[in-house]
Amino acid sequence: MKNKTTSGLLAALAMGAVALSAAEKTIVLGSDRFEVTHRVTVPALEQAGTLWLPLAGTDAFQSFESKLITAPAPWRQARDAAHGNDVLVMGAGPSQSGKVLEARYVVQRREKSAHAGDATLARRHLSPERLVPRDETFVTLARESTRGAQDDLARARALYRHVLEKMRYDKSGVGWGRGDALFASRVCAGNCTDFHAYFIALCRALDIPARFAIGLTIPADRDEGVVQGYHCWAEFFADGKWVPVDISEAAKHPELAAYYFGHHPANRFEISLGRDIEIQPAPAAGPFNFLFAPLLEVEGKSVPVQAEFHFRRLKAVASK
């Protein structure tokens, strides 16, 4: 496991060049191993309600040595059919007040690069979402931004540059953080959800499948503590492969701009994939815009829930 960053500038991105140095400790290359605990405290309740908690899954880049759920009441696991995300569904009432629901994972994570995918299945990720519509605004912007690009990979690279140059990472004011692609195109500011909603909308406008994922960045510069907030990223499909991107991190760390077109570091923990996620039983609020935080509803109204992610980095497992 190595902590490194790139010293390549945005200009090098056009040539696909990446020069690695040890200037900062922001990403983990190769592989990482850590424990993540999602701890949820049920608030004081006077009536019964329902709590939904996303459960992380495995894939070719993320595997679990163990996964342990500790709950103060019986629960069941539900799955959304469109994206394959798992969600814990639990009844919660006065007898659960102040008690803790905990999901603990021991995770092996590999650095992600372009990886093979099914072209037919990928086309599902051309469909519009409530906050990422197929809108003529994006068609115009995408065509202007990719003029002269000869294939989908080149077009996506041009769109990556466009979003990186146009957007600024800014969480002031209102409207940011919902992953509203039209808002992002108009205001040109926001957080990771807004950066990637805009990029995904532009890709889809050119019939390039693109998808959203959300989870955590596990700090690379310390080995335990609380993870402050979520992080999200995207992938697009070109030449038979899913290509990872992280434009908001590239905006915060320009020296990593070349790296983040085509890579996600190993210090990531993915919790869910996709938008407009439908789970049964369904919350009164409707489909999840994106699936990250627990949701508690009592009589159809959302009730605030205290939740934290704790992490602890573990030693790499020796090869046999």
Protein backbone atom coordinates (compact mmCIF):
# COMPACT_ATOMS: atom_id res chain seq x y z
CA MET A 1 0.00 0.00 0.00
CA LYS A 2 1.40 3.37 -1.01
CA ASN A 3 0.14 6.92 -0.47
CA LYS A 4 0.89 9.03 -3.52
CA THR A 5 -0.41 11.88 -5.65
CA THR A 6 0.17 12.96 -9.21
CA SER A 7 2.23 15.98 -10.18
CA GLY A 8 0.67 16.09 -13.66
CA LEU A 9 -1.32 19.26 -14.38
CA LEU A 10 -4.61 19.60 -16.25
CA ALA A 11 -2.68 20.24 -19.45
CA ALA A 12 -1.22 16.75 -19.18
CA LEU A 13 -4.73 15.32 -19.01
CA ALA A 14 -5.23 15.92 -22.73
CA MET A 15 -2.30 13.59 -23.44
CA GLY A 16 -3.31 11.08 -20.77
CA ALA A 17 -0.02 11.59 -18.96
CA VAL A 18 0.24 10.93 -15.22
CA ALA A 19 3.42 11.61 -13.25
CA LEU A 20 3.30 10.22 -9.70
CA SER A 21 5.05 11.77 -6.71
CA ALA A 22 4.75 11.62 -2.94
CA ALA A 23 3.79 15.29 -2.60
CA GLU A 24 0.69 14.66 -0.48
CA LYS A 25 -1.02 11.77 1.24
CA THR A 26 -4.46 11.85 -0.35
CA ILE A 27 -4.86 8.57 -2.22
CA VAL A 28 -3.92 4.93 -1.74
CA LEU A 29 -2.72 3.09 -4.81
CA GLY A 30 -2.83 -0.67 -5.29
CA SER A 31 -4.91 -2.01 -2.40
CA ASP A 32 -6.19 -1.05 1.01
CA ARG A 33 -7.68 -2.94 3.95
CA PHE A 34 -9.84 -1.40 6.65
CA GLU A 35 -12.76 -1.85 9.02
CA VAL A 36 -15.79 0.42 8.60
CA THR A 37 -18.55 0.69 11.19
CA HIS A 38 -21.81 2.47 10.37
CA ARG A 39 -23.36 3.30 13.74
CA VAL A 40 -26.94 4.59 13.95
CA THR A 41 -28.60 5.72 17.18
CA VAL A 42 -32.39 5.51 17.22
CA PRO A 43 -33.85 8.78 18.54
CA ALA A 44 -36.47 9.00 21.29
CA LEU A 45 -39.72 7.75 19.76
CA GLU A 46 -43.27 7.88 21.05
CA GLN A 47 -44.74 5.98 18.09
CA ALA A 48 -43.68 3.14 15.86
CA GLY A 49 -41.94 3.84 12.59
CA THR A 50 -39.73 2.26 9.93
CA LEU A 51 -35.98 2.66 9.48
CA TRP A 52 -34.09 2.02 6.23
CA LEU A 53 -30.31 1.58 6.30
CA PRO A 54 -28.21 1.01 3.14
CA LEU A 55 -25.94 -2.03 3.26
CA ALA A 56 -22.75 -1.99 1.22
CA GLY A 57 -22.15 -4.77 -1.29
CA THR A 58 -19.22 -6.46 -2.98
CA ASP A 59 -17.87 -6.35 -6.52
CA ALA A 60 -14.63 -7.03 -8.37
CA PHE A 61 -12.88 -4.20 -6.49
CA GLN A 62 -14.50 -4.44 -3.05
CA SER A 63 -14.75 -7.62 -0.99
CA PHE A 64 -15.61 -8.32 2.64
CA GLU A 65 -13.73 -10.55 5.04
CA SER A 66 -16.68 -10.13 7.37
CA LYS A 67 -19.98 -8.27 7.59
CA LEU A 68 -21.81 -8.09 10.92
CA ILE A 69 -25.20 -6.47 11.60
CA THR A 70 -26.17 -5.76 15.21
CA ALA A 71 -29.75 -4.50 15.53
CA PRO A 72 -32.06 -3.66 18.45
CA ALA A 73 -35.11 -5.16 16.66
CA PRO A 74 -35.90 -7.77 14.00
CA TRP A 75 -35.02 -6.65 10.48
CA ARG A 76 -35.10 -7.89 6.92
CA GLN A 77 -33.01 -7.22 3.85
CA ALA A 78 -34.61 -5.65 0.76
CA ARG A 79 -33.04 -5.17 -2.66
CA ASP A 80 -33.72 -2.65 -5.38
CA ALA A 81 -34.24 -4.46 -8.66
CA ALA A 82 -32.72 -1.78 -10.92
CA HIS A 83 -29.26 -1.48 -9.33
CA GLY A 84 -28.90 -4.40 -6.93
CA ASN A 85 -28.47 -2.32 -3.78
CA ASP A 86 -29.31 -3.94 -0.44
CA VAL A 87 -31.16 -2.11 2.32
CA LEU A 88 -31.87 -3.12 5.90
CA VAL A 89 -35.51 -2.45 6.84
CA MET A 90 -36.37 -2.42 10.56
CA GLY A 91 -39.37 -1.44 12.63
CA ALA A 92 -38.47 1.05 15.36
CA GLY A 93 -40.61 2.30 18.23
CA PRO A 94 -40.42 3.48 21.84
CA SER A 95 -38.64 0.32 22.98
CA GLN A 96 -35.77 1.03 20.54
CA SER A 97 -35.31 4.65 21.68
CA GLY A 98 -31.64 5.41 22.30
CA LYS A 99 -30.48 2.00 21.09
CA VAL A 100 -27.81 1.46 18.45
CA LEU A 101 -28.02 -0.22 15.07
CA GLU A 102 -24.61 -1.10 13.70
CA ALA A 103 -23.25 -2.48 10.43
CA ARG A 104 -19.58 -3.46 10.61
CA TYR A 105 -17.47 -4.48 7.62
CA VAL A 106 -13.89 -5.67 7.22
CA VAL A 107 -13.05 -4.56 3.70
CA GLN A 108 -10.45 -5.47 1.10
CA ARG A 109 -10.42 -2.77 -1.57
CA ARG A 110 -8.48 -2.54 -4.83
CA GLU A 111 -7.68 0.56 -6.83
CA LYS A 112 -10.13 0.82 -9.70
CA SER A 113 -9.25 1.39 -13.34
CA ALA A 114 -11.15 0.76 -16.58
CA HIS A 115 -12.85 -2.64 -16.41
CA ALA A 116 -14.91 -4.74 -18.79
CA GLY A 117 -18.69 -4.48 -18.85
CA ASP A 118 -21.68 -5.73 -20.80
CA ALA A 119 -22.68 -3.24 -23.52
CA THR A 120 -26.35 -4.25 -23.45
CA LEU A 121 -26.61 -3.86 -19.68
CA ALA A 122 -24.66 -0.60 -19.85
CA ARG A 123 -27.37 0.97 -22.01
CA ARG A 124 -29.68 0.91 -19.00
CA HIS A 125 -27.58 3.81 -17.75
CA LEU A 126 -28.80 6.05 -20.55
CA SER A 127 -32.20 6.43 -18.89
CA PRO A 128 -33.12 9.80 -17.35
CA GLU A 129 -33.54 10.31 -13.62
CA ARG A 130 -35.58 12.90 -11.75
CA LEU A 131 -32.63 15.23 -11.26
CA VAL A 132 -30.59 14.04 -14.26
CA PRO A 133 -33.01 14.48 -17.20
CA ARG A 134 -32.38 13.96 -20.90
CA ASP A 135 -32.61 17.67 -21.65
CA GLU A 136 -31.72 19.65 -24.78
CA THR A 137 -29.55 21.89 -22.60
CA PHE A 138 -27.11 19.02 -22.14
CA VAL A 139 -27.17 18.03 -25.80
CA THR A 140 -26.08 21.52 -26.81
CA LEU A 141 -23.39 21.76 -24.13
CA ALA A 142 -22.07 18.27 -24.81
CA ARG A 143 -21.80 18.78 -28.57
CA GLU A 144 -20.01 22.11 -28.15
CA SER A 145 -17.60 20.64 -25.60
CA THR A 146 -16.68 17.59 -27.68
CA ARG A 147 -16.29 19.17 -31.11
CA GLY A 148 -13.56 17.28 -32.98
CA ALA A 149 -13.52 14.27 -30.63
CA GLN A 150 -13.53 11.07 -32.67
CA ASP A 151 -14.87 8.40 -30.29
CA ASP A 152 -16.70 7.97 -26.98
CA LEU A 153 -13.51 7.83 -24.91
CA ALA A 154 -12.28 11.11 -26.42
CA ARG A 155 -15.72 12.67 -26.02
CA ALA A 156 -15.90 11.65 -22.36
CA ARG A 157 -12.41 13.06 -21.79
CA ALA A 158 -13.55 16.36 -23.30
CA LEU A 159 -16.64 16.36 -21.07
CA TYR A 160 -14.44 15.66 -18.03
CA ARG A 161 -12.32 18.70 -18.91
CA HIS A 162 -15.44 20.79 -19.50
CA VAL A 163 -16.91 20.00 -16.07
CA LEU A 164 -13.54 20.48 -14.39
CA GLU A 165 -13.06 23.87 -16.01
CA LYS A 166 -16.66 25.08 -15.58
CA MET A 167 -17.58 23.88 -12.07
CA ARG A 168 -16.18 25.03 -8.76
CA TYR A 169 -16.39 23.09 -5.51
CA ASP A 170 -18.60 25.33 -3.37
CA LYS A 171 -21.09 24.34 -0.65
CA SER A 172 -22.38 27.84 0.10
CA GLY A 173 -25.94 28.97 -0.53
CA VAL A 174 -28.82 26.60 -1.26
CA GLY A 175 -29.55 24.01 -3.92
CA TRP A 176 -26.22 22.19 -3.90
CA GLY A 177 -25.81 18.57 -2.80
CA ARG A 178 -28.93 17.14 -4.46
CA GLY A 179 -27.21 16.01 -7.64
CA ASP A 180 -29.43 18.29 -9.73
CA ALA A 181 -27.78 18.39 -13.16
CA LEU A 182 -29.73 21.40 -14.44
CA PHE A 183 -28.90 23.34 -11.27
CA ALA A 184 -25.22 22.48 -11.68
CA SER A 185 -25.17 23.55 -15.33
CA ARG A 186 -26.77 26.87 -14.39
CA VAL A 187 -24.91 27.73 -11.16
CA CYS A 188 -21.60 26.01 -12.04
CA ALA A 189 -20.96 25.15 -8.40
CA GLY A 190 -21.70 22.45 -5.88
CA ASN A 191 -20.29 19.33 -4.29
CA CYS A 192 -19.47 15.87 -5.62
CA THR A 193 -23.12 14.98 -6.31
CA ASP A 194 -23.54 18.07 -8.47
CA PHE A 195 -20.25 17.64 -10.37
CA HIS A 196 -21.07 14.06 -11.27
CA ALA A 197 -24.77 14.60 -12.00
CA TYR A 198 -23.71 17.21 -14.55
CA PHE A 199 -21.07 14.94 -16.08
CA ILE A 200 -23.49 12.00 -16.27
CA ALA A 201 -26.14 14.15 -17.96
CA LEU A 202 -23.61 15.34 -20.55
CA CYS A 203 -22.45 11.79 -21.27
CA ARG A 204 -25.99 10.52 -21.71
CA ALA A 205 -26.78 13.43 -24.02
CA LEU A 206 -24.22 11.89 -26.40
CA ASP A 207 -25.55 8.34 -25.81
CA ILE A 208 -22.58 7.43 -23.61
CA PRO A 209 -23.86 5.33 -20.68
CA ALA A 210 -22.84 6.77 -17.32
CA ARG A 211 -23.64 5.86 -13.73
CA PHE A 212 -23.40 7.32 -10.23
CA ALA A 213 -22.02 5.71 -7.06
CA ILE A 214 -21.74 6.96 -3.49
CA GLY A 215 -19.82 5.94 -0.39
CA LEU A 216 -16.83 7.10 1.64
CA THR A 217 -13.28 8.22 1.12
CA ILE A 218 -11.23 6.48 3.80
CA PRO A 219 -8.57 9.01 4.91
CA ALA A 220 -5.16 8.10 3.55
CA ASP A 221 -3.19 10.21 6.04
CA ARG A 222 -4.44 8.56 9.26
CA ASP A 223 -5.33 5.06 10.34
CA GLU A 224 -8.50 5.50 12.39
CA GLY A 225 -11.24 7.93 13.25
CA VAL A 226 -14.57 9.26 12.04
CA VAL A 227 -15.22 9.76 8.33
CA GLN A 228 -16.71 13.20 7.82
CA GLY A 229 -19.45 13.02 5.21
CA TYR A 230 -20.04 11.04 2.06
CA HIS A 231 -18.28 11.11 -1.27
CA CYS A 232 -19.58 10.17 -4.70
CA TRP A 233 -18.07 9.46 -8.08
CA ALA A 234 -19.03 8.23 -11.55
CA GLU A 235 -18.19 5.83 -14.35
CA PHE A 236 -18.88 6.02 -18.09
CA PHE A 237 -18.95 3.22 -20.65
CA ALA A 238 -16.71 3.31 -23.73
CA ASP A 239 -14.97 0.67 -25.86
CA GLY A 240 -16.56 -2.14 -23.87
CA LYS A 241 -15.28 -0.87 -20.52
CA TRP A 242 -16.51 1.12 -17.55
CA VAL A 243 -14.09 4.01 -16.96
CA PRO A 244 -14.02 5.58 -13.47
CA VAL A 245 -13.82 9.35 -12.94
CA ASP A 246 -13.80 11.66 -9.94
CA ILE A 247 -14.12 15.25 -11.10
CA SER A 248 -14.83 16.93 -7.77
CA GLU A 249 -11.66 15.50 -6.26
CA ALA A 250 -9.75 16.61 -9.36
CA ALA A 251 -11.13 20.12 -8.78
CA LYS A 252 -9.89 20.10 -5.18
CA HIS A 253 -6.55 18.53 -6.14
CA PRO A 254 -5.56 19.75 -9.65
CA GLU A 255 -2.32 17.77 -9.43
CA LEU A 256 -4.51 14.64 -9.50
CA ALA A 257 -6.65 15.66 -12.48
CA ALA A 258 -4.96 13.23 -14.86
CA TYR A 259 -5.18 10.36 -12.37
CA TYR A 260 -8.89 10.85 -11.69
CA PHE A 261 -9.78 10.34 -15.35
CA GLY A 262 -9.61 6.56 -15.39
CA HIS A 263 -8.95 5.72 -11.72
CA HIS A 264 -10.51 5.55 -8.29
CA PRO A 265 -8.01 5.01 -5.47
CA ALA A 266 -8.10 2.01 -3.15
CA ASN A 267 -9.13 4.06 -0.11
CA ARG A 268 -12.80 4.03 -1.10
CA PHE A 269 -15.83 2.30 0.38
CA GLU A 270 -18.77 2.04 -2.01
CA ILE A 271 -22.20 1.87 -0.42
CA SER A 272 -24.63 2.10 -3.33
CA LEU A 273 -24.94 2.53 -7.06
CA GLY A 274 -27.46 4.58 -9.03
CA ARG A 275 -30.17 7.16 -8.44
CA ASP A 276 -33.97 7.08 -7.89
CA ILE A 277 -33.65 3.88 -5.88
CA GLU A 278 -36.91 2.05 -5.14
CA ILE A 279 -37.20 -0.23 -2.11
CA GLN A 280 -40.16 -2.20 -0.77
CA PRO A 281 -41.60 -1.29 1.64
CA ALA A 282 -41.26 2.17 0.14
CA PRO A 283 -40.76 5.31 2.21
CA ALA A 284 -43.56 7.88 2.05
CA ALA A 285 -40.95 10.26 0.66
CA GLY A 286 -40.72 8.09 -2.47
CA PRO A 287 -37.61 6.67 -4.16
CA PHE A 288 -34.25 7.51 -2.64
CA ASN A 289 -32.54 10.27 -4.61
CA PHE A 290 -29.32 8.43 -3.78
CA LEU A 291 -28.76 5.83 -1.10
CA PHE A 292 -26.28 6.68 1.62
CA ALA A 293 -27.78 7.77 4.95
CA PRO A 294 -30.34 6.00 7.13
CA LEU A 295 -33.95 7.13 6.83
CA LEU A 296 -36.46 6.93 9.68
CA GLU A 297 -40.13 7.66 9.08
CA VAL A 298 -42.91 7.89 11.67
CA GLU A 299 -46.44 8.30 10.33
CA GLY A 300 -45.01 9.14 6.93
CA LYS A 301 -42.75 11.93 8.20
CA SER A 302 -38.97 11.86 8.31
CA VAL A 303 -37.37 11.92 11.76
CA PRO A 304 -33.71 13.01 12.20
CA VAL A 305 -31.30 10.18 13.01
CA GLN A 306 -27.79 10.38 14.46
CA ALA A 307 -25.36 8.32 12.39
CA GLU A 308 -21.57 8.09 12.11
CA PHE A 309 -19.01 6.14 10.13
CA HIS A 310 -15.91 5.01 12.00
CA PHE A 311 -12.91 3.48 10.26
CA ARG A 312 -9.77 1.63 11.28
CA ARG A 313 -7.04 0.74 8.80
CA LEU A 314 -5.82 -2.84 9.05
CA LYS A 315 -2.60 -4.52 8.09
CA ALA A 316 -2.45 -6.01 4.63
CA VAL A 317 -2.94 -9.76 4.49
CA ALA A 318 0.30 -11.51 3.56
CA SER A 319 0.26 -13.36 0.25
CA LYS A 320 0.59 -17.15 0.44
